[in-house]
Amino acid sequence: MPLVTTKDMFEKSMKEHFAIGAFNVNNMEIIQAIVDAAAEENSPIVLQASSSAIKYARIGYLRRMVEAALEEHDIPVVLHLDHGPDFETCKLCIDNGFSSVMIDGSKYDFEKNIALTKKVVEYAHNKGVVVEAELGKLAGVEDEVNVSASDAIYTDPEQAKEFVERTKCDSLAIAIGTSHGAYKFKGEAKLRFDILEKIKEKLPKTPIVLHGASTVIPELVNMCNKYGGNIPGAKGVPDEMLHEASLRGVSKINVDTDLRLAMTGAIRKVFAEEPEVFDPRKYMLPARELICKTVQHKIRDVFCSSNKA
C-alpha cells in the first residue's frame, strides 16, 4: 500500500471516536517496531519525523526505510513532518514524498502564525499533501521545542475557529495541558477537557491533535534508572486521560518520549547484564521488541485504533 494522507483516517476517527497514534521515528529499528505493531493490531498509523530527526537520519534514508515498511505490511501509513519550524522545512518534506506536514507557528503572534500556515497550506495542497498547524503553546523540551511553563498558553476556542477558517489547515494541534519531554507534570496530572469540548463545538469537522502526550510509562522509567539511568521524577499523561481524549474527539495523539524510554531501557539492560556484548544486533533487537510492545499497548489499550485499518 502506498503512503496515504490523514484525511480518510481522521474522518473515520471522528465518526467512531478513536485516536490515531502518531509515533516519532529516528532510525530503522524504530520504524520497524512501530509498523510491525500497527500491522499486528491492524491499525492505521502515523510515522512522524522532526527536523532534527531528519538531520540525524537524512531525509532520503527515512523515506526509503518507510517505503520498505510499506512493502511488508498492508495498512494505512502516513509519513508526517512533526513540528516543522519554517516554510523551507515543510517544502523539503513535501518535495521528498511526505504525505503530511506540520507547520508550527505557535511561537509567533496570531497573525504571523496565520500567514505562515497559509503559505504552507497553499504549497502543500497543490501537491496533494495535508497540513497540521498549531495554536497555543505547550510547555516542555523536546528536539526543537523549548517552552517554559510560564510561557505555555492554552488554545483559545474562538481563535481556533478563526485560525482554521482563515488558514484552511487540515488539522489543528491544541494546548490543553500536555507538554513535551519526560517531565510533564510536577503535581497532579490534569488536562483541560473543557477547552477541548469548546473547540470541538466550534470546529466539529476539524481533526484535533494532541502533542506532548507520552505517558512516560513508569515501568520504562524504572528500567532506565535500574540499569544506570538518571531520570528522577519523570511524569507523563496517564493512559486514562489519553483514552478520554480519544473519546472526546482528539483524532491524533503524538508519542515520542515513551519510545525513547523503551529503547534506552532495553539497551541499558543488555549492557548491564551482558557487559561482554558489543554486537549492535544483540542490544538493538530487544530495544526493537520493547518499542513494538509499547506501541501495541498504546494502539490497543489507549487509543483504541486497533482493528480500524
C-alpha atoms as a PDB file:
ATOM      1  CA  MET A   1       0.000   0.000   0.000  1.00  0.00           C
ATOM      2  CA  PRO A   2       1.386   3.456  -0.884  1.00  0.00           C
ATOM      3  CA  LEU A   3       1.592   6.279   1.639  1.00  0.00           C
ATOM      4  CA  VAL A   4      -1.732   7.933   2.405  1.00  0.00           C
ATOM      5  CA  THR A   5      -2.750  11.275   3.878  1.00  0.00           C
ATOM      6  CA  THR A   6      -4.568  11.618   7.194  1.00  0.00           C
ATOM      7  CA  LYS A   7      -7.839  12.678   5.546  1.00  0.00           C
ATOM      8  CA  ASP A   8      -9.704   9.366   5.493  1.00  0.00           C
ATOM      9  CA  MET A   9      -8.314   8.028   8.774  1.00  0.00           C
ATOM     10  CA  PHE A  10      -9.190  11.251  10.598  1.00  0.00           C
ATOM     11  CA  GLU A  11     -12.728  11.245   9.208  1.00  0.00           C
ATOM     12  CA  LYS A  12     -13.152   7.699  10.481  1.00  0.00           C
ATOM     13  CA  SER A  13     -11.614   8.534  13.858  1.00  0.00           C
ATOM     14  CA  MET A  14     -14.038  11.422  14.402  1.00  0.00           C
ATOM     15  CA  LYS A  15     -17.023   9.307  13.387  1.00  0.00           C
ATOM     16  CA  GLU A  16     -16.064   6.269  15.505  1.00  0.00           C
ATOM     17  CA  HIS A  17     -14.396   8.076  18.449  1.00  0.00           C
ATOM     18  CA  PHE A  18     -10.859   6.759  18.476  1.00  0.00           C
ATOM     19  CA  ALA A  19      -7.448   8.345  18.027  1.00  0.00           C
ATOM     20  CA  ILE A  20      -4.663   7.575  15.582  1.00  0.00           C
ATOM     21  CA  GLY A  21      -1.280   7.017  17.176  1.00  0.00           C
ATOM     22  CA  ALA A  22       1.457   9.250  15.772  1.00  0.00           C
ATOM     23  CA  PHE A  23       4.891   7.933  16.697  1.00  0.00           C
ATOM     24  CA  ASN A  24       8.212   9.677  16.152  1.00  0.00           C
ATOM     25  CA  VAL A  25      10.878   7.868  14.152  1.00  0.00           C
ATOM     26  CA  ASN A  26      14.646   8.286  14.075  1.00  0.00           C
ATOM     27  CA  ASN A  27      16.120   5.047  12.728  1.00  0.00           C
ATOM     28  CA  MET A  28      15.372   1.679  11.129  1.00  0.00           C
ATOM     29  CA  GLU A  29      14.606  -0.220  14.322  1.00  0.00           C
ATOM     30  CA  ILE A  30      12.042   2.329  15.494  1.00  0.00           C
ATOM     31  CA  ILE A  31      10.289   2.338  12.110  1.00  0.00           C
ATOM     32  CA  GLN A  32      10.204  -1.461  12.038  1.00  0.00           C
ATOM     33  CA  ALA A  33       8.859  -1.684  15.583  1.00  0.00           C
ATOM     34  CA  ILE A  34       6.062   0.845  15.035  1.00  0.00           C
ATOM     35  CA  VAL A  35       4.860  -0.569  11.725  1.00  0.00           C
ATOM     36  CA  ASP A  36       5.100  -4.173  12.962  1.00  0.00           C
ATOM     37  CA  ALA A  37       2.977  -3.205  15.984  1.00  0.00           C
ATOM     38  CA  ALA A  38       0.406  -1.392  13.856  1.00  0.00           C
ATOM     39  CA  ALA A  39       0.177  -4.334  11.464  1.00  0.00           C
ATOM     40  CA  GLU A  40      -0.290  -6.750  14.361  1.00  0.00           C
ATOM     41  CA  GLU A  41      -3.168  -4.586  15.627  1.00  0.00           C
ATOM     42  CA  ASN A  42      -4.493  -3.914  12.106  1.00  0.00           C
ATOM     43  CA  SER A  43      -4.351  -0.201  12.819  1.00  0.00           C
ATOM     44  CA  PRO A  44      -3.665   2.890  10.699  1.00  0.00           C
ATOM     45  CA  ILE A  45      -0.523   4.685  11.807  1.00  0.00           C
ATOM     46  CA  VAL A  46       1.303   7.996  11.505  1.00  0.00           C
ATOM     47  CA  LEU A  47       5.091   7.877  11.325  1.00  0.00           C
ATOM     48  CA  GLN A  48       6.452  11.318  12.071  1.00  0.00           C
ATOM     49  CA  ALA A  49       9.895  12.831  11.932  1.00  0.00           C
ATOM     50  CA  SER A  50      11.032  16.113  13.442  1.00  0.00           C
ATOM     51  CA  SER A  51      13.506  18.329  11.609  1.00  0.00           C
ATOM     52  CA  SER A  52      16.247  17.162  13.980  1.00  0.00           C
ATOM     53  CA  ALA A  53      15.377  13.527  13.190  1.00  0.00           C
ATOM     54  CA  ILE A  54      15.667  14.364   9.502  1.00  0.00           C
ATOM     55  CA  LYS A  55      19.073  15.949  10.086  1.00  0.00           C
ATOM     56  CA  TYR A  56      20.163  12.857  12.025  1.00  0.00           C
ATOM     57  CA  ALA A  57      18.848  10.100   9.752  1.00  0.00           C
ATOM     58  CA  ARG A  58      18.803  12.095   6.459  1.00  0.00           C
ATOM     59  CA  ILE A  59      15.556  12.547   4.603  1.00  0.00           C
ATOM     60  CA  GLY A  60      16.303  10.063   1.798  1.00  0.00           C
ATOM     61  CA  TYR A  61      17.099   7.287   4.253  1.00  0.00           C
ATOM     62  CA  LEU A  62      13.943   7.956   6.270  1.00  0.00           C
ATOM     63  CA  ARG A  63      11.752   7.978   3.184  1.00  0.00           C
ATOM     64  CA  ARG A  64      13.184   4.736   1.824  1.00  0.00           C
ATOM     65  CA  MET A  65      13.021   2.919   5.157  1.00  0.00           C
ATOM     66  CA  VAL A  66       9.340   3.810   5.347  1.00  0.00           C
ATOM     67  CA  GLU A  67       8.890   2.562   1.784  1.00  0.00           C
ATOM     68  CA  ALA A  68      10.456  -0.751   2.840  1.00  0.00           C
ATOM     69  CA  ALA A  69       7.942  -0.985   5.693  1.00  0.00           C
ATOM     70  CA  LEU A  70       5.096  -0.368   3.230  1.00  0.00           C
ATOM     71  CA  GLU A  71       6.281  -3.327   1.155  1.00  0.00           C
ATOM     72  CA  GLU A  72       5.978  -5.606   4.191  1.00  0.00           C
ATOM     73  CA  HIS A  73       2.584  -4.527   5.539  1.00  0.00           C
ATOM     74  CA  ASP A  74      -0.776  -3.621   4.033  1.00  0.00           C
ATOM     75  CA  ILE A  75      -2.020  -0.949   6.451  1.00  0.00           C
ATOM     76  CA  PRO A  76      -2.608   2.800   6.008  1.00  0.00           C
ATOM     77  CA  VAL A  77       0.625   4.671   6.814  1.00  0.00           C
ATOM     78  CA  VAL A  78       1.177   8.438   6.851  1.00  0.00           C
ATOM     79  CA  LEU A  79       4.671   9.953   6.706  1.00  0.00           C
ATOM     80  CA  HIS A  80       4.450  13.247   8.578  1.00  0.00           C
ATOM     81  CA  LEU A  81       6.753  16.135   9.438  1.00  0.00           C
ATOM     82  CA  ASP A  82       6.464  16.879  13.154  1.00  0.00           C
ATOM     83  CA  HIS A  83       6.934  20.486  14.312  1.00  0.00           C
ATOM     84  CA  GLY A  84       8.102  21.946  11.030  1.00  0.00           C
ATOM     85  CA  PRO A  85       9.859  25.144  12.119  1.00  0.00           C
ATOM     86  CA  ASP A  86       9.560  27.066   8.830  1.00  0.00           C
ATOM     87  CA  PHE A  87       8.250  27.008   5.269  1.00  0.00           C
ATOM     88  CA  GLU A  88      11.542  25.708   3.875  1.00  0.00           C
ATOM     89  CA  THR A  89      11.493  22.558   6.032  1.00  0.00           C
ATOM     90  CA  CYS A  90       7.881  21.867   5.106  1.00  0.00           C
ATOM     91  CA  LYS A  91       8.703  22.320   1.412  1.00  0.00           C
ATOM     92  CA  LEU A  92      11.684  19.972   1.727  1.00  0.00           C
ATOM     93  CA  CYS A  93       9.478  17.228   3.158  1.00  0.00           C
ATOM     94  CA  ILE A  94       6.678  17.773   0.659  1.00  0.00           C
ATOM     95  CA  ASP A  95       9.149  17.623  -2.218  1.00  0.00           C
ATOM     96  CA  ASN A  96      10.630  14.405  -0.796  1.00  0.00           C
ATOM     97  CA  GLY A  97       7.423  12.434  -0.625  1.00  0.00           C
ATOM     98  CA  PHE A  98       5.972  13.122   2.816  1.00  0.00           C
ATOM     99  CA  SER A  99       2.182  12.842   2.734  1.00  0.00           C
ATOM    100  CA  SER A 100       1.580  15.224   5.651  1.00  0.00           C
ATOM    101  CA  VAL A 101       3.434  18.135   7.230  1.00  0.00           C
ATOM    102  CA  MET A 102       3.042  20.206  10.354  1.00  0.00           C
ATOM    103  CA  ILE A 103       3.929  23.860  10.377  1.00  0.00           C
ATOM    104  CA  ASP A 104       4.458  25.041  13.939  1.00  0.00           C
ATOM    105  CA  GLY A 105       3.933  28.782  14.035  1.00  0.00           C
ATOM    106  CA  SER A 106       2.834  28.781  17.665  1.00  0.00           C
ATOM    107  CA  LYS A 107       5.932  30.737  18.680  1.00  0.00           C
ATOM    108  CA  TYR A 108       4.687  33.686  16.636  1.00  0.00           C
ATOM    109  CA  ASP A 109       1.792  36.052  17.253  1.00  0.00           C
ATOM    110  CA  PHE A 110      -1.639  35.139  15.905  1.00  0.00           C
ATOM    111  CA  GLU A 111      -1.416  36.999  12.589  1.00  0.00           C
ATOM    112  CA  LYS A 112       2.096  35.805  11.763  1.00  0.00           C
ATOM    113  CA  ASN A 113       1.115  32.232  12.601  1.00  0.00           C
ATOM    114  CA  ILE A 114      -1.826  32.548  10.215  1.00  0.00           C
ATOM    115  CA  ALA A 115       0.305  33.999   7.417  1.00  0.00           C
ATOM    116  CA  LEU A 116       2.967  31.274   7.732  1.00  0.00           C
ATOM    117  CA  THR A 117       0.391  28.493   7.938  1.00  0.00           C
ATOM    118  CA  LYS A 118      -1.479  29.798   4.870  1.00  0.00           C
ATOM    119  CA  LYS A 119       1.760  29.799   2.881  1.00  0.00           C
ATOM    120  CA  VAL A 120       2.456  26.173   3.768  1.00  0.00           C
ATOM    121  CA  VAL A 121      -1.164  25.127   3.147  1.00  0.00           C
ATOM    122  CA  GLU A 122      -1.158  26.658  -0.330  1.00  0.00           C
ATOM    123  CA  TYR A 123       2.045  24.869  -1.338  1.00  0.00           C
ATOM    124  CA  ALA A 124       1.093  21.557   0.272  1.00  0.00           C
ATOM    125  CA  HIS A 125      -2.440  21.361  -1.082  1.00  0.00           C
ATOM    126  CA  ASN A 126      -1.175  21.961  -4.618  1.00  0.00           C
ATOM    127  CA  LYS A 127       0.962  18.825  -4.124  1.00  0.00           C
ATOM    128  CA  GLY A 128      -1.802  16.720  -2.556  1.00  0.00           C
ATOM    129  CA  VAL A 129      -0.275  16.941   0.927  1.00  0.00           C
ATOM    130  CA  VAL A 130      -2.244  17.712   4.097  1.00  0.00           C
ATOM    131  CA  VAL A 131      -1.206  20.247   6.741  1.00  0.00           C
ATOM    132  CA  GLU A 132      -1.370  20.244  10.526  1.00  0.00           C
ATOM    133  CA  ALA A 133      -0.970  23.565  12.321  1.00  0.00           C
ATOM    134  CA  GLU A 134      -0.671  24.557  15.972  1.00  0.00           C
ATOM    135  CA  LEU A 135      -2.382  27.201  18.069  1.00  0.00           C
ATOM    136  CA  GLY A 136      -1.397  27.666  21.708  1.00  0.00           C
ATOM    137  CA  LYS A 137       1.949  26.847  23.305  1.00  0.00           C
ATOM    138  CA  LEU A 138       2.891  23.586  25.014  1.00  0.00           C
ATOM    139  CA  ALA A 139       5.494  23.710  27.753  1.00  0.00           C
ATOM    140  CA  GLY A 140       8.482  21.361  27.802  1.00  0.00           C
ATOM    141  CA  VAL A 141      11.637  20.457  25.936  1.00  0.00           C
ATOM    142  CA  GLU A 142      11.848  18.012  23.037  1.00  0.00           C
ATOM    143  CA  ASP A 143      14.040  18.392  19.948  1.00  0.00           C
ATOM    144  CA  GLU A 144      13.389  21.927  18.608  1.00  0.00           C
ATOM    145  CA  VAL A 145      10.617  22.649  21.131  1.00  0.00           C
ATOM    146  CA  ASN A 146      11.703  24.541  24.252  1.00  0.00           C
ATOM    147  CA  VAL A 147       8.949  26.429  26.061  1.00  0.00           C
ATOM    148  CA  SER A 148       8.978  27.316  29.736  1.00  0.00           C
ATOM    149  CA  ALA A 149       5.926  26.608  31.886  1.00  0.00           C
ATOM    150  CA  SER A 150       5.382  30.337  32.356  1.00  0.00           C
ATOM    151  CA  ASP A 151       5.181  30.836  28.584  1.00  0.00           C
ATOM    152  CA  ALA A 152       2.735  27.989  27.941  1.00  0.00           C
ATOM    153  CA  ILE A 153      -0.656  29.174  26.660  1.00  0.00           C
ATOM    154  CA  TYR A 154      -3.929  27.254  26.380  1.00  0.00           C
ATOM    155  CA  THR A 155      -5.621  27.353  22.998  1.00  0.00           C
ATOM    156  CA  ASP A 156      -8.466  29.858  22.806  1.00  0.00           C
ATOM    157  CA  PRO A 157     -11.567  28.252  21.200  1.00  0.00           C
ATOM    158  CA  GLU A 158     -12.652  31.463  19.435  1.00  0.00           C
ATOM    159  CA  GLN A 159      -9.188  31.957  17.985  1.00  0.00           C
ATOM    160  CA  ALA A 160      -9.086  28.305  16.953  1.00  0.00           C
ATOM    161  CA  LYS A 161     -12.222  28.720  14.830  1.00  0.00           C
ATOM    162  CA  GLU A 162     -10.893  31.860  13.156  1.00  0.00           C
ATOM    163  CA  PHE A 163      -7.466  30.282  12.637  1.00  0.00           C
ATOM    164  CA  VAL A 164      -8.820  27.205  10.833  1.00  0.00           C
ATOM    165  CA  GLU A 165     -11.240  29.246   8.714  1.00  0.00           C
ATOM    166  CA  ARG A 166      -8.512  31.624   7.580  1.00  0.00           C
ATOM    167  CA  THR A 167      -5.674  29.151   7.050  1.00  0.00           C
ATOM    168  CA  LYS A 168      -7.647  26.169   5.680  1.00  0.00           C
ATOM    169  CA  CYS A 169      -5.335  23.827   7.614  1.00  0.00           C
ATOM    170  CA  ASP A 170      -6.458  20.200   7.649  1.00  0.00           C
ATOM    171  CA  SER A 171      -5.957  19.521  11.368  1.00  0.00           C
ATOM    172  CA  LEU A 172      -5.138  21.571  14.438  1.00  0.00           C
ATOM    173  CA  ALA A 173      -2.820  20.828  17.350  1.00  0.00           C
ATOM    174  CA  ILE A 174      -4.122  22.422  20.527  1.00  0.00           C
ATOM    175  CA  ALA A 175      -2.767  23.137  24.006  1.00  0.00           C
ATOM    176  CA  ILE A 176      -4.915  21.780  26.848  1.00  0.00           C
ATOM    177  CA  GLY A 177      -2.259  20.888  29.403  1.00  0.00           C
ATOM    178  CA  THR A 178       0.062  18.335  27.824  1.00  0.00           C
ATOM    179  CA  SER A 179       3.761  19.168  27.459  1.00  0.00           C
ATOM    180  CA  HIS A 180       6.844  17.888  25.688  1.00  0.00           C
ATOM    181  CA  GLY A 181       9.536  15.702  27.237  1.00  0.00           C
ATOM    182  CA  ALA A 182       9.623  13.362  30.241  1.00  0.00           C
ATOM    183  CA  TYR A 183       8.646  15.938  32.890  1.00  0.00           C
ATOM    184  CA  LYS A 184       5.086  16.912  32.008  1.00  0.00           C
ATOM    185  CA  PHE A 185       3.600  17.468  35.462  1.00  0.00           C
ATOM    186  CA  LYS A 186       5.036  18.433  38.845  1.00  0.00           C
ATOM    187  CA  GLY A 187       1.834  17.691  40.730  1.00  0.00           C
ATOM    188  CA  GLU A 188      -1.393  16.013  39.736  1.00  0.00           C
ATOM    189  CA  ALA A 189      -1.844  15.449  36.004  1.00  0.00           C
ATOM    190  CA  LYS A 190      -4.681  17.499  34.552  1.00  0.00           C
ATOM    191  CA  LEU A 191      -5.979  18.170  31.058  1.00  0.00           C
ATOM    192  CA  ARG A 192      -8.453  20.939  30.182  1.00  0.00           C
ATOM    193  CA  PHE A 193     -11.183  18.826  28.630  1.00  0.00           C
ATOM    194  CA  ASP A 194     -13.490  21.825  28.915  1.00  0.00           C
ATOM    195  CA  ILE A 195     -11.325  23.657  26.372  1.00  0.00           C
ATOM    196  CA  LEU A 196     -11.273  20.596  24.100  1.00  0.00           C
ATOM    197  CA  GLU A 197     -15.075  20.422  24.270  1.00  0.00           C
ATOM    198  CA  LYS A 198     -15.471  24.093  23.320  1.00  0.00           C
ATOM    199  CA  ILE A 199     -13.035  23.743  20.418  1.00  0.00           C
ATOM    200  CA  LYS A 200     -14.874  20.669  19.111  1.00  0.00           C
ATOM    201  CA  GLU A 201     -18.168  22.575  19.345  1.00  0.00           C
ATOM    202  CA  LYS A 202     -16.770  25.364  17.192  1.00  0.00           C
ATOM    203  CA  LEU A 203     -14.811  23.060  14.850  1.00  0.00           C
ATOM    204  CA  PRO A 204     -16.857  19.831  14.648  1.00  0.00           C
ATOM    205  CA  LYS A 205     -15.337  18.792  11.306  1.00  0.00           C
ATOM    206  CA  THR A 206     -11.706  19.660  12.076  1.00  0.00           C
ATOM    207  CA  PRO A 207      -9.447  16.856  13.356  1.00  0.00           C
ATOM    208  CA  ILE A 208      -7.806  17.820  16.645  1.00  0.00           C
ATOM    209  CA  VAL A 209      -4.259  16.781  17.576  1.00  0.00           C
ATOM    210  CA  LEU A 210      -2.674  16.334  20.990  1.00  0.00           C
ATOM    211  CA  HIS A 211       1.090  16.864  21.231  1.00  0.00           C
ATOM    212  CA  GLY A 212       3.324  16.011  24.190  1.00  0.00           C
ATOM    213  CA  ALA A 213       1.149  13.027  25.051  1.00  0.00           C
ATOM    214  CA  SER A 214       3.536  10.298  26.162  1.00  0.00           C
ATOM    215  CA  THR A 215       2.507   8.510  29.339  1.00  0.00           C
ATOM    216  CA  VAL A 216       6.157   8.382  30.450  1.00  0.00           C
ATOM    217  CA  ILE A 217       5.407   4.770  31.371  1.00  0.00           C
ATOM    218  CA  PRO A 218       6.671   4.188  34.942  1.00  0.00           C
ATOM    219  CA  GLU A 219       7.948   0.683  34.164  1.00  0.00           C
ATOM    220  CA  LEU A 220      10.141   2.075  31.389  1.00  0.00           C
ATOM    221  CA  VAL A 221      11.436   4.898  33.564  1.00  0.00           C
ATOM    222  CA  ASN A 222      12.238   2.373  36.304  1.00  0.00           C
ATOM    223  CA  MET A 223      14.060   0.146  33.828  1.00  0.00           C
ATOM    224  CA  CYS A 224      16.219   3.050  32.666  1.00  0.00           C
ATOM    225  CA  ASN A 225      17.042   4.063  36.235  1.00  0.00           C
ATOM    226  CA  LYS A 226      17.655   0.498  37.410  1.00  0.00           C
ATOM    227  CA  TYR A 227      20.342  -0.008  34.805  1.00  0.00           C
ATOM    228  CA  GLY A 228      22.261   3.215  35.304  1.00  0.00           C
ATOM    229  CA  GLY A 229      19.921   5.944  34.087  1.00  0.00           C
ATOM    230  CA  ASN A 230      19.204   9.192  35.892  1.00  0.00           C
ATOM    231  CA  ILE A 231      15.599  10.209  35.178  1.00  0.00           C
ATOM    232  CA  PRO A 232      14.151  11.061  38.605  1.00  0.00           C
ATOM    233  CA  GLY A 233      10.588  12.265  38.968  1.00  0.00           C
ATOM    234  CA  ALA A 234       9.593  11.857  35.315  1.00  0.00           C
ATOM    235  CA  LYS A 235       5.832  12.032  34.912  1.00  0.00           C
ATOM    236  CA  GLY A 236       3.570  11.968  31.874  1.00  0.00           C
ATOM    237  CA  VAL A 237      -0.090  11.915  30.847  1.00  0.00           C
ATOM    238  CA  PRO A 238      -1.921   8.913  32.343  1.00  0.00           C
ATOM    239  CA  ASP A 239      -3.321   6.389  29.875  1.00  0.00           C
ATOM    240  CA  GLU A 240      -6.817   7.012  31.225  1.00  0.00           C
ATOM    241  CA  MET A 241      -6.654  10.696  30.284  1.00  0.00           C
ATOM    242  CA  LEU A 242      -5.395   9.913  26.791  1.00  0.00           C
ATOM    243  CA  HIS A 243      -8.193   7.394  26.330  1.00  0.00           C
ATOM    244  CA  GLU A 244     -10.694  10.032  27.476  1.00  0.00           C
ATOM    245  CA  ALA A 245      -9.222  12.490  24.975  1.00  0.00           C
ATOM    246  CA  SER A 246      -9.731   9.997  22.160  1.00  0.00           C
ATOM    247  CA  LEU A 247     -13.363   9.515  23.159  1.00  0.00           C
ATOM    248  CA  ARG A 248     -13.892  13.288  23.349  1.00  0.00           C
ATOM    249  CA  GLY A 249     -12.782  13.949  19.792  1.00  0.00           C
ATOM    250  CA  VAL A 250      -8.976  14.000  19.574  1.00  0.00           C
ATOM    251  CA  SER A 251      -8.057  12.351  16.276  1.00  0.00           C
ATOM    252  CA  LYS A 252      -4.264  12.132  16.585  1.00  0.00           C
ATOM    253  CA  ILE A 253      -2.136  11.631  19.681  1.00  0.00           C
ATOM    254  CA  ASN A 254       1.636  12.096  19.491  1.00  0.00           C
ATOM    255  CA  VAL A 255       4.081   9.789  21.255  1.00  0.00           C
ATOM    256  CA  ASP A 256       7.862  10.156  21.340  1.00  0.00           C
ATOM    257  CA  THR A 257       9.234  10.044  24.892  1.00  0.00           C
ATOM    258  CA  ASP A 258       7.789   6.591  25.616  1.00  0.00           C
ATOM    259  CA  LEU A 259       9.639   5.180  22.602  1.00  0.00           C
ATOM    260  CA  ARG A 260      12.885   6.776  23.723  1.00  0.00           C
ATOM    261  CA  LEU A 261      12.454   5.293  27.193  1.00  0.00           C
ATOM    262  CA  ALA A 262      11.716   1.831  25.779  1.00  0.00           C
ATOM    263  CA  MET A 263      14.769   1.860  23.547  1.00  0.00           C
ATOM    264  CA  THR A 264      17.098   3.261  26.205  1.00  0.00           C
ATOM    265  CA  GLY A 265      15.830   0.942  28.934  1.00  0.00           C
ATOM    266  CA  ALA A 266      16.214  -2.180  26.802  1.00  0.00           C
ATOM    267  CA  ILE A 267      19.720  -1.242  25.681  1.00  0.00           C
ATOM    268  CA  ARG A 268      20.828  -0.329  29.202  1.00  0.00           C
ATOM    269  CA  LYS A 269      19.563  -3.688  30.448  1.00  0.00           C
ATOM    270  CA  VAL A 270      21.690  -5.590  27.937  1.00  0.00           C
ATOM    271  CA  PHE A 271      24.771  -3.505  28.703  1.00  0.00           C
ATOM    272  CA  ALA A 272      24.338  -4.043  32.451  1.00  0.00           C
ATOM    273  CA  GLU A 273      23.550  -7.753  32.346  1.00  0.00           C
ATOM    274  CA  GLU A 274      25.794  -8.743  29.453  1.00  0.00           C
ATOM    275  CA  PRO A 275      28.795  -6.380  29.501  1.00  0.00           C
ATOM    276  CA  GLU A 276      30.611  -8.595  27.037  1.00  0.00           C
ATOM    277  CA  VAL A 277      28.105  -7.756  24.275  1.00  0.00           C
ATOM    278  CA  PHE A 278      29.352  -5.390  21.577  1.00  0.00           C
ATOM    279  CA  ASP A 279      27.342  -6.589  18.575  1.00  0.00           C
ATOM    280  CA  PRO A 280      24.713  -3.859  17.909  1.00  0.00           C
ATOM    281  CA  ARG A 281      22.226  -6.525  16.829  1.00  0.00           C
ATOM    282  CA  LYS A 282      22.365  -8.039  20.311  1.00  0.00           C
ATOM    283  CA  TYR A 283      21.121  -4.862  22.001  1.00  0.00           C
ATOM    284  CA  MET A 284      19.062  -3.308  19.208  1.00  0.00           C
ATOM    285  CA  LEU A 285      16.869  -6.410  18.873  1.00  0.00           C
ATOM    286  CA  PRO A 286      15.449  -6.261  22.440  1.00  0.00           C
ATOM    287  CA  ALA A 287      15.091  -2.488  22.021  1.00  0.00           C
ATOM    288  CA  ARG A 288      13.036  -3.011  18.879  1.00  0.00           C
ATOM    289  CA  GLU A 289      10.902  -5.640  20.609  1.00  0.00           C
ATOM    290  CA  LEU A 290      10.151  -3.404  23.593  1.00  0.00           C
ATOM    291  CA  ILE A 291       9.225  -0.462  21.360  1.00  0.00           C
ATOM    292  CA  CYS A 292       6.881  -2.777  19.454  1.00  0.00           C
ATOM    293  CA  LYS A 293       5.156  -3.876  22.681  1.00  0.00           C
ATOM    294  CA  THR A 294       4.881  -0.252  23.815  1.00  0.00           C
ATOM    295  CA  VAL A 295       3.242   0.819  20.546  1.00  0.00           C
ATOM    296  CA  GLN A 296       0.855  -2.134  20.620  1.00  0.00           C
ATOM    297  CA  HIS A 297      -0.252  -1.158  24.113  1.00  0.00           C
ATOM    298  CA  LYS A 298      -0.924   2.409  23.005  1.00  0.00           C
ATOM    299  CA  ILE A 299      -2.895   1.385  19.926  1.00  0.00           C
ATOM    300  CA  ARG A 300      -4.925  -1.376  21.576  1.00  0.00           C
ATOM    301  CA  ASP A 301      -5.498  -0.171  25.140  1.00  0.00           C
ATOM    302  CA  VAL A 302      -5.273   3.626  24.996  1.00  0.00           C
ATOM    303  CA  PHE A 303      -6.177   4.984  21.567  1.00  0.00           C
ATOM    304  CA  CYS A 304      -8.477   2.084  20.674  1.00  0.00           C
ATOM    305  CA  SER A 305      -7.492   2.284  16.999  1.00  0.00           C
ATOM    306  CA  SER A 306      -6.809  -1.464  16.875  1.00  0.00           C
ATOM    307  CA  ASN A 307      -8.638  -3.226  14.000  1.00  0.00           C
ATOM    308  CA  LYS A 308      -9.575   0.140  12.458  1.00  0.00           C
ATOM    309  CA  ALA A 309      -7.427  -0.111   9.318  1.00  0.00           C
END
